[in-house]
Every structure is written in structure tokens, then in C-alpha cells.
Amino acid sequence: MTPTPRHFRQAPRRAIRPLSLAILLAVPLPVLLGGCGPGPEEPAAATAAAEVAPMSDALRAEAAAQHEAARLAALWHYVSVAVDGESRPQKSASMRNLRPDEDDVATTFAVVPTVQLVLRNDPRWGQSVYLVIEEGDFDCGSPCAFTIRFDASEPRRFDGEASSTGERPALFINDDTGFIRGLDGASRVEIAPAHAGSPIIFETGGFDPRRYGIGA
């Protein structure tokens, strides 16, 4: 029988199939299975992710620290006011005490006065530190004195003097230099009447001596 063109086309196909199967059977099984594992790029991606995670944590911590620093700085107000007949202005830095949350007040029935802490440098009277009682009661006793604590340091006694701003009671802290020295770098200041009573708390960590010095 003479081969036809069809026979010539089909003959190679029948010969290839057994040969392909033989080649596959000759390849070791671990070699075939090795192609099913992770590609070389997957360990690299895992390593990169492990390196990025600490960086992300550090960036979040840095952002949180910057946010807290900005919040504390915003608690302070710096003012410069011209004084008649004087070449230098009056400069001041002030802030209000920490207020309890409404939920805490409802639970403890605590009544915390609203008190303003003022640092003032006046060309006529020099430097002063005093408390302005804006709302509620805060009495320094007789004789007027305070127990003041800067951060976790031991409480210190400061003599004071009761006066007035003309509209509201004002309690002066006589040792203004000692108070400002303790304030510098302190994140929290607690002031209580020396004779008895609960302290009022100021978050002072954002105090900027430079801004106080220029009044702005």
C-alpha cells in the first residue's frame, strides 16, 4: 500500500505521544513539584513588608507626638500690650486649668473652678505670676500660700497674696522667678491651697519662653 499524504501527516503525531510520555516519566518528581512553590519574588516581598512595618510604626508615633506638641502649644496665649508713657510693652503668657470631662463630673460630682494662670512682665511693676479666678471658688487661705508640684517632683510651698484684677479675684504667687524656673520643661503643674483643698491642674508642656519674652 502506497502511503498517502494523510499517512505522512499523521505518522509523526503517533510517534511523538509515546516519546513525550517517556520524557515526563523520566523527570524526577521533586523537579516537577518544585515549580508549584513560591516564586523568587515572594520572599523578597515578605522581607520588604517586614522592613516597612517598623517604619510605619515610627511614622505614626512621630505624627502622634507632633499632634500632641501642637495641642499643648495651643493651650497658651501670648499677648503684648502697649503701656502709656512706657517705651516697652507689657508682655504676658496665660492658660486655663484642665477641665474634667462631663462624664467624670456626672460620676464624681466634682466642682472644679475655672482658673487662669498668668505670667506677666510689665515695665512698671516687673514680672508677676498670678491666678485669676474666672468661675467657682479657689481660696489660698490666710495667710495666702500654695502647695505647687511640677510633674512628679516633691510639692513646694509658695507664699502668695490675694488681690484683684478689678473685675475678678487674683491670687499672686510671690516667688515668680522660682515658679517660672520650675515651669520651664514641666508638662504638668498642680496648684493647691496650702491649708487644704484639691489642686487645680495645668497642662504646661507647650510653654515657650521665647514667645513669652516677645509677647507673641
C-alpha atoms as a PDB file:
ATOM      1  CA  MET A   1       0.000   0.000   0.000  1.00  0.00           C
ATOM      2  CA  THR A   2       1.407   3.277  -1.044  1.00  0.00           C
ATOM      3  CA  PRO A   3       1.388   5.933   1.714  1.00  0.00           C
ATOM      4  CA  THR A   4      -0.888   8.863   1.061  1.00  0.00           C
ATOM      5  CA  PRO A   5      -0.216  12.452   2.179  1.00  0.00           C
ATOM      6  CA  ARG A   6      -2.605  11.828   5.065  1.00  0.00           C
ATOM      7  CA  HIS A   7      -0.417   8.975   6.299  1.00  0.00           C
ATOM      8  CA  PHE A   8       2.644  11.229   6.255  1.00  0.00           C
ATOM      9  CA  ARG A   9       0.842  13.916   8.310  1.00  0.00           C
ATOM     10  CA  GLN A  10      -0.433  11.557  10.975  1.00  0.00           C
ATOM     11  CA  ALA A  11       2.610   9.346  11.409  1.00  0.00           C
ATOM     12  CA  PRO A  12       4.734  11.945  13.276  1.00  0.00           C
ATOM     13  CA  ARG A  13       1.913  12.587  15.754  1.00  0.00           C
ATOM     14  CA  ARG A  14       1.663   8.916  16.716  1.00  0.00           C
ATOM     15  CA  ALA A  15       5.418   8.813  17.253  1.00  0.00           C
ATOM     16  CA  ILE A  16       5.554  11.953  19.399  1.00  0.00           C
ATOM     17  CA  ARG A  17       2.991  10.929  22.001  1.00  0.00           C
ATOM     18  CA  PRO A  18       4.876   7.941  23.449  1.00  0.00           C
ATOM     19  CA  LEU A  19       8.116   9.915  23.363  1.00  0.00           C
ATOM     20  CA  SER A  20       6.583  12.836  25.331  1.00  0.00           C
ATOM     21  CA  LEU A  21       5.211  10.479  27.978  1.00  0.00           C
ATOM     22  CA  ALA A  22       8.569   8.803  28.312  1.00  0.00           C
ATOM     23  CA  ILE A  23      10.272  12.153  28.841  1.00  0.00           C
ATOM     24  CA  LEU A  24       7.790  13.172  31.527  1.00  0.00           C
ATOM     25  CA  LEU A  25       8.195   9.871  33.344  1.00  0.00           C
ATOM     26  CA  ALA A  26      11.946  10.291  33.249  1.00  0.00           C
ATOM     27  CA  VAL A  27      11.835  13.680  35.032  1.00  0.00           C
ATOM     28  CA  PRO A  28      12.170  13.270  38.856  1.00  0.00           C
ATOM     29  CA  LEU A  29       9.026  14.070  40.828  1.00  0.00           C
ATOM     30  CA  PRO A  30      10.720  16.735  43.074  1.00  0.00           C
ATOM     31  CA  VAL A  31      11.648  18.671  39.943  1.00  0.00           C
ATOM     32  CA  LEU A  32       8.052  18.743  38.776  1.00  0.00           C
ATOM     33  CA  LEU A  33       6.718  19.678  42.181  1.00  0.00           C
ATOM     34  CA  GLY A  34       9.343  22.380  42.653  1.00  0.00           C
ATOM     35  CA  GLY A  35       7.553  24.581  40.179  1.00  0.00           C
ATOM     36  CA  CYS A  36       4.496  24.684  42.459  1.00  0.00           C
ATOM     37  CA  GLY A  37       6.296  26.553  45.272  1.00  0.00           C
ATOM     38  CA  PRO A  38       6.558  30.343  45.783  1.00  0.00           C
ATOM     39  CA  GLY A  39       8.368  32.327  43.167  1.00  0.00           C
ATOM     40  CA  PRO A  40      11.639  34.105  43.981  1.00  0.00           C
ATOM     41  CA  GLU A  41       9.803  37.423  44.207  1.00  0.00           C
ATOM     42  CA  GLU A  42       7.544  36.291  47.098  1.00  0.00           C
ATOM     43  CA  PRO A  43      10.266  36.055  49.800  1.00  0.00           C
ATOM     44  CA  ALA A  44      11.550  39.450  48.662  1.00  0.00           C
ATOM     45  CA  ALA A  45       8.073  40.947  49.032  1.00  0.00           C
ATOM     46  CA  ALA A  46       7.719  39.459  52.514  1.00  0.00           C
ATOM     47  CA  THR A  47      11.104  40.873  53.513  1.00  0.00           C
ATOM     48  CA  ALA A  48      10.164  44.311  52.200  1.00  0.00           C
ATOM     49  CA  ALA A  49       6.880  44.237  54.125  1.00  0.00           C
ATOM     50  CA  ALA A  50       8.719  43.283  57.313  1.00  0.00           C
ATOM     51  CA  GLU A  51      11.082  46.229  56.832  1.00  0.00           C
ATOM     52  CA  VAL A  52       8.264  48.697  56.108  1.00  0.00           C
ATOM     53  CA  ALA A  53       6.199  47.782  59.194  1.00  0.00           C
ATOM     54  CA  PRO A  54       8.628  49.278  61.770  1.00  0.00           C
ATOM     55  CA  MET A  55       8.995  52.381  59.592  1.00  0.00           C
ATOM     56  CA  SER A  56       5.216  52.797  59.506  1.00  0.00           C
ATOM     57  CA  ASP A  57       5.019  52.429  63.286  1.00  0.00           C
ATOM     58  CA  ALA A  58       7.750  55.044  63.701  1.00  0.00           C
ATOM     59  CA  LEU A  59       5.966  57.459  61.359  1.00  0.00           C
ATOM     60  CA  ARG A  60       2.691  57.018  63.234  1.00  0.00           C
ATOM     61  CA  ALA A  61       4.434  57.608  66.557  1.00  0.00           C
ATOM     62  CA  GLU A  62       6.144  60.725  65.185  1.00  0.00           C
ATOM     63  CA  ALA A  63       2.842  62.076  63.838  1.00  0.00           C
ATOM     64  CA  ALA A  64       1.142  61.451  67.193  1.00  0.00           C
ATOM     65  CA  ALA A  65       3.961  63.237  69.038  1.00  0.00           C
ATOM     66  CA  GLN A  66       3.731  66.232  66.698  1.00  0.00           C
ATOM     67  CA  HIS A  67      -0.035  66.385  67.148  1.00  0.00           C
ATOM     68  CA  GLU A  68       0.306  66.325  70.941  1.00  0.00           C
ATOM     69  CA  ALA A  69       3.006  69.019  70.889  1.00  0.00           C
ATOM     70  CA  ALA A  70       0.763  71.248  68.759  1.00  0.00           C
ATOM     71  CA  ARG A  71      -2.177  70.668  71.111  1.00  0.00           C
ATOM     72  CA  LEU A  72      -0.154  71.641  74.181  1.00  0.00           C
ATOM     73  CA  ALA A  73       1.310  74.715  72.481  1.00  0.00           C
ATOM     74  CA  ALA A  74      -2.192  75.902  71.527  1.00  0.00           C
ATOM     75  CA  LEU A  75      -3.233  75.972  75.208  1.00  0.00           C
ATOM     76  CA  TRP A  76      -1.008  79.013  75.775  1.00  0.00           C
ATOM     77  CA  HIS A  77      -1.873  82.558  74.699  1.00  0.00           C
ATOM     78  CA  TYR A  78       0.836  85.226  74.310  1.00  0.00           C
ATOM     79  CA  VAL A  79      -0.009  88.928  74.266  1.00  0.00           C
ATOM     80  CA  SER A  80       1.927  92.190  74.001  1.00  0.00           C
ATOM     81  CA  VAL A  81       0.133  95.415  75.032  1.00  0.00           C
ATOM     82  CA  ALA A  82       1.448  98.963  74.761  1.00  0.00           C
ATOM     83  CA  VAL A  83       1.684 100.888  78.050  1.00  0.00           C
ATOM     84  CA  ASP A  84       1.106 104.640  78.092  1.00  0.00           C
ATOM     85  CA  GLY A  85       4.250 106.562  78.907  1.00  0.00           C
ATOM     86  CA  GLU A  86       6.467 103.480  78.591  1.00  0.00           C
ATOM     87  CA  SER A  87       8.814 102.544  75.774  1.00  0.00           C
ATOM     88  CA  ARG A  88       8.385  98.820  76.424  1.00  0.00           C
ATOM     89  CA  PRO A  89       5.087  96.929  76.200  1.00  0.00           C
ATOM     90  CA  GLN A  90       3.530  94.662  78.785  1.00  0.00           C
ATOM     91  CA  LYS A  91       4.002  91.021  77.793  1.00  0.00           C
ATOM     92  CA  SER A  92       2.055  88.076  79.112  1.00  0.00           C
ATOM     93  CA  ALA A  93       1.501  84.350  78.709  1.00  0.00           C
ATOM     94  CA  SER A  94      -1.651  82.705  80.020  1.00  0.00           C
ATOM     95  CA  MET A  95      -3.610  79.468  80.000  1.00  0.00           C
ATOM     96  CA  ARG A  96      -6.623  77.913  81.745  1.00  0.00           C
ATOM     97  CA  ASN A  97      -6.625  74.916  84.017  1.00  0.00           C
ATOM     98  CA  LEU A  98      -7.523  71.411  82.916  1.00  0.00           C
ATOM     99  CA  ARG A  99     -11.259  70.836  82.925  1.00  0.00           C
ATOM    100  CA  PRO A 100     -12.765  67.435  83.781  1.00  0.00           C
ATOM    101  CA  ASP A 101     -14.839  65.587  81.206  1.00  0.00           C
ATOM    102  CA  GLU A 102     -18.592  65.949  81.566  1.00  0.00           C
ATOM    103  CA  ASP A 103     -18.900  62.216  82.232  1.00  0.00           C
ATOM    104  CA  ASP A 104     -16.396  62.460  85.096  1.00  0.00           C
ATOM    105  CA  VAL A 105     -18.289  65.378  86.634  1.00  0.00           C
ATOM    106  CA  ALA A 106     -21.548  63.452  86.460  1.00  0.00           C
ATOM    107  CA  THR A 107     -19.927  60.479  88.174  1.00  0.00           C
ATOM    108  CA  THR A 108     -17.890  62.219  90.889  1.00  0.00           C
ATOM    109  CA  PHE A 109     -19.949  65.414  91.344  1.00  0.00           C
ATOM    110  CA  ALA A 110     -16.608  67.268  91.268  1.00  0.00           C
ATOM    111  CA  VAL A 111     -16.788  71.035  91.056  1.00  0.00           C
ATOM    112  CA  VAL A 112     -13.589  72.363  89.515  1.00  0.00           C
ATOM    113  CA  PRO A 113     -13.143  76.133  89.340  1.00  0.00           C
ATOM    114  CA  THR A 114     -12.075  77.793  86.123  1.00  0.00           C
ATOM    115  CA  VAL A 115      -8.730  79.450  86.823  1.00  0.00           C
ATOM    116  CA  GLN A 116      -6.375  81.291  84.526  1.00  0.00           C
ATOM    117  CA  LEU A 117      -2.626  81.102  85.105  1.00  0.00           C
ATOM    118  CA  VAL A 118      -0.925  84.331  84.031  1.00  0.00           C
ATOM    119  CA  LEU A 119       2.756  85.171  83.624  1.00  0.00           C
ATOM    120  CA  ARG A 120       3.175  88.910  83.161  1.00  0.00           C
ATOM    121  CA  ASN A 121       6.136  91.182  82.578  1.00  0.00           C
ATOM    122  CA  ASP A 122       5.199  94.841  82.978  1.00  0.00           C
ATOM    123  CA  PRO A 123       7.641  97.767  82.559  1.00  0.00           C
ATOM    124  CA  ARG A 124       6.108  99.446  85.643  1.00  0.00           C
ATOM    125  CA  TRP A 125       5.829  96.526  88.059  1.00  0.00           C
ATOM    126  CA  GLY A 126       8.245  93.925  86.747  1.00  0.00           C
ATOM    127  CA  GLN A 127       7.439  90.247  86.477  1.00  0.00           C
ATOM    128  CA  SER A 128       4.422  88.654  88.186  1.00  0.00           C
ATOM    129  CA  VAL A 129       2.770  85.242  88.312  1.00  0.00           C
ATOM    130  CA  TYR A 130      -0.838  85.054  89.423  1.00  0.00           C
ATOM    131  CA  LEU A 131      -4.098  83.142  89.187  1.00  0.00           C
ATOM    132  CA  VAL A 132      -7.328  84.761  88.032  1.00  0.00           C
ATOM    133  CA  ILE A 133     -10.437  83.035  89.383  1.00  0.00           C
ATOM    134  CA  GLU A 134     -12.869  83.174  86.465  1.00  0.00           C
ATOM    135  CA  GLU A 135     -15.543  80.869  87.851  1.00  0.00           C
ATOM    136  CA  GLY A 136     -16.035  78.950  91.087  1.00  0.00           C
ATOM    137  CA  ASP A 137     -14.092  79.143  94.336  1.00  0.00           C
ATOM    138  CA  PHE A 138     -10.359  78.860  94.896  1.00  0.00           C
ATOM    139  CA  ASP A 139      -9.148  80.315  98.182  1.00  0.00           C
ATOM    140  CA  CYS A 140      -5.458  80.490  99.102  1.00  0.00           C
ATOM    141  CA  GLY A 141      -6.279  80.884 102.808  1.00  0.00           C
ATOM    142  CA  SER A 142      -4.890  83.280 105.384  1.00  0.00           C
ATOM    143  CA  PRO A 143      -2.034  83.837 105.198  1.00  0.00           C
ATOM    144  CA  CYS A 144      -2.208  83.150 101.468  1.00  0.00           C
ATOM    145  CA  ALA A 145       0.015  80.252 100.421  1.00  0.00           C
ATOM    146  CA  PHE A 146       0.090  77.469  97.832  1.00  0.00           C
ATOM    147  CA  THR A 147       1.442  73.968  97.506  1.00  0.00           C
ATOM    148  CA  ILE A 148       2.780  73.616  93.966  1.00  0.00           C
ATOM    149  CA  ARG A 149       4.023  70.482  92.272  1.00  0.00           C
ATOM    150  CA  PHE A 150       5.885  70.378  88.953  1.00  0.00           C
ATOM    151  CA  ASP A 151       5.446  66.984  87.278  1.00  0.00           C
ATOM    152  CA  ALA A 152       6.464  64.237  89.741  1.00  0.00           C
ATOM    153  CA  SER A 153       8.703  66.442  91.899  1.00  0.00           C
ATOM    154  CA  GLU A 154       8.119  66.980  95.592  1.00  0.00           C
ATOM    155  CA  PRO A 155       5.412  69.606  96.282  1.00  0.00           C
ATOM    156  CA  ARG A 156       6.803  73.005  97.270  1.00  0.00           C
ATOM    157  CA  ARG A 157       5.248  75.751  99.335  1.00  0.00           C
ATOM    158  CA  PHE A 158       4.920  79.181  97.718  1.00  0.00           C
ATOM    159  CA  ASP A 159       3.729  82.202  99.658  1.00  0.00           C
ATOM    160  CA  GLY A 160       1.045  84.258  97.960  1.00  0.00           C
ATOM    161  CA  GLU A 161      -1.054  87.370  98.144  1.00  0.00           C
ATOM    162  CA  ALA A 162      -4.746  87.861  97.428  1.00  0.00           C
ATOM    163  CA  SER A 163      -5.637  90.804  95.226  1.00  0.00           C
ATOM    164  CA  SER A 164      -7.943  91.635  92.339  1.00  0.00           C
ATOM    165  CA  THR A 165      -7.770  92.443  88.643  1.00  0.00           C
ATOM    166  CA  GLY A 166     -10.544  94.987  89.172  1.00  0.00           C
ATOM    167  CA  GLU A 167     -13.163  92.537  87.949  1.00  0.00           C
ATOM    168  CA  ARG A 168     -12.134  89.137  89.303  1.00  0.00           C
ATOM    169  CA  PRO A 169     -10.143  87.823  92.268  1.00  0.00           C
ATOM    170  CA  ALA A 170      -6.424  87.408  91.614  1.00  0.00           C
ATOM    171  CA  LEU A 171      -4.015  85.351  93.702  1.00  0.00           C
ATOM    172  CA  PHE A 172      -0.354  86.265  93.274  1.00  0.00           C
ATOM    173  CA  ILE A 173       2.492  83.772  93.689  1.00  0.00           C
ATOM    174  CA  ASN A 174       5.231  85.794  95.345  1.00  0.00           C
ATOM    175  CA  ASP A 175       8.240  83.808  94.123  1.00  0.00           C
ATOM    176  CA  ASP A 176       7.590  84.376  90.421  1.00  0.00           C
ATOM    177  CA  THR A 177      11.188  83.558  89.470  1.00  0.00           C
ATOM    178  CA  GLY A 178      11.109  80.219  91.294  1.00  0.00           C
ATOM    179  CA  PHE A 179       7.758  79.360  89.757  1.00  0.00           C
ATOM    180  CA  ILE A 180       8.886  80.094  86.190  1.00  0.00           C
ATOM    181  CA  ARG A 181      12.091  78.128  86.782  1.00  0.00           C
ATOM    182  CA  GLY A 182      10.017  75.110  87.824  1.00  0.00           C
ATOM    183  CA  LEU A 183       7.574  75.655  84.965  1.00  0.00           C
ATOM    184  CA  ASP A 184      10.277  75.517  82.301  1.00  0.00           C
ATOM    185  CA  GLY A 185      10.228  71.963  80.922  1.00  0.00           C
ATOM    186  CA  ALA A 186       7.362  70.749  83.142  1.00  0.00           C
ATOM    187  CA  SER A 187       4.465  69.047  81.390  1.00  0.00           C
ATOM    188  CA  ARG A 188       2.060  69.341  84.328  1.00  0.00           C
ATOM    189  CA  VAL A 189       1.691  71.774  87.224  1.00  0.00           C
ATOM    190  CA  GLU A 190      -0.624  71.219  90.197  1.00  0.00           C
ATOM    191  CA  ILE A 191      -1.518  74.167  92.422  1.00  0.00           C
ATOM    192  CA  ALA A 192      -3.437  73.704  95.666  1.00  0.00           C
ATOM    193  CA  PRO A 193      -4.169  75.949  98.660  1.00  0.00           C
ATOM    194  CA  ALA A 194      -1.512  75.244 101.281  1.00  0.00           C
ATOM    195  CA  HIS A 195      -4.040  74.860 104.106  1.00  0.00           C
ATOM    196  CA  ALA A 196      -6.421  72.391 102.405  1.00  0.00           C
ATOM    197  CA  GLY A 197      -8.300  71.704  99.218  1.00  0.00           C
ATOM    198  CA  SER A 198      -7.944  69.924  95.900  1.00  0.00           C
ATOM    199  CA  PRO A 199      -5.347  71.055  93.375  1.00  0.00           C
ATOM    200  CA  ILE A 200      -6.099  72.649  90.061  1.00  0.00           C
ATOM    201  CA  ILE A 201      -4.092  71.196  87.193  1.00  0.00           C
ATOM    202  CA  PHE A 202      -2.437  72.913  84.248  1.00  0.00           C
ATOM    203  CA  GLU A 203      -1.026  71.136  81.183  1.00  0.00           C
ATOM    204  CA  THR A 204       2.009  73.375  80.748  1.00  0.00           C
ATOM    205  CA  GLY A 205       4.168  71.278  78.403  1.00  0.00           C
ATOM    206  CA  GLY A 206       3.679  73.667  75.487  1.00  0.00           C
ATOM    207  CA  PHE A 207       5.105  76.728  77.280  1.00  0.00           C
ATOM    208  CA  ASP A 208       7.503  78.653  75.033  1.00  0.00           C
ATOM    209  CA  PRO A 209       9.817  81.041  76.958  1.00  0.00           C
ATOM    210  CA  ARG A 210      10.837  82.721  73.711  1.00  0.00           C
ATOM    211  CA  ARG A 211       7.241  83.607  72.820  1.00  0.00           C
ATOM    212  CA  TYR A 212       6.657  84.845  76.352  1.00  0.00           C
ATOM    213  CA  GLY A 213       9.724  87.041  76.022  1.00  0.00           C
ATOM    214  CA  ILE A 214       8.476  88.708  72.839  1.00  0.00           C
ATOM    215  CA  GLY A 215       4.782  88.622  73.756  1.00  0.00           C
ATOM    216  CA  ALA A 216       3.610  86.898  70.582  1.00  0.00           C
END
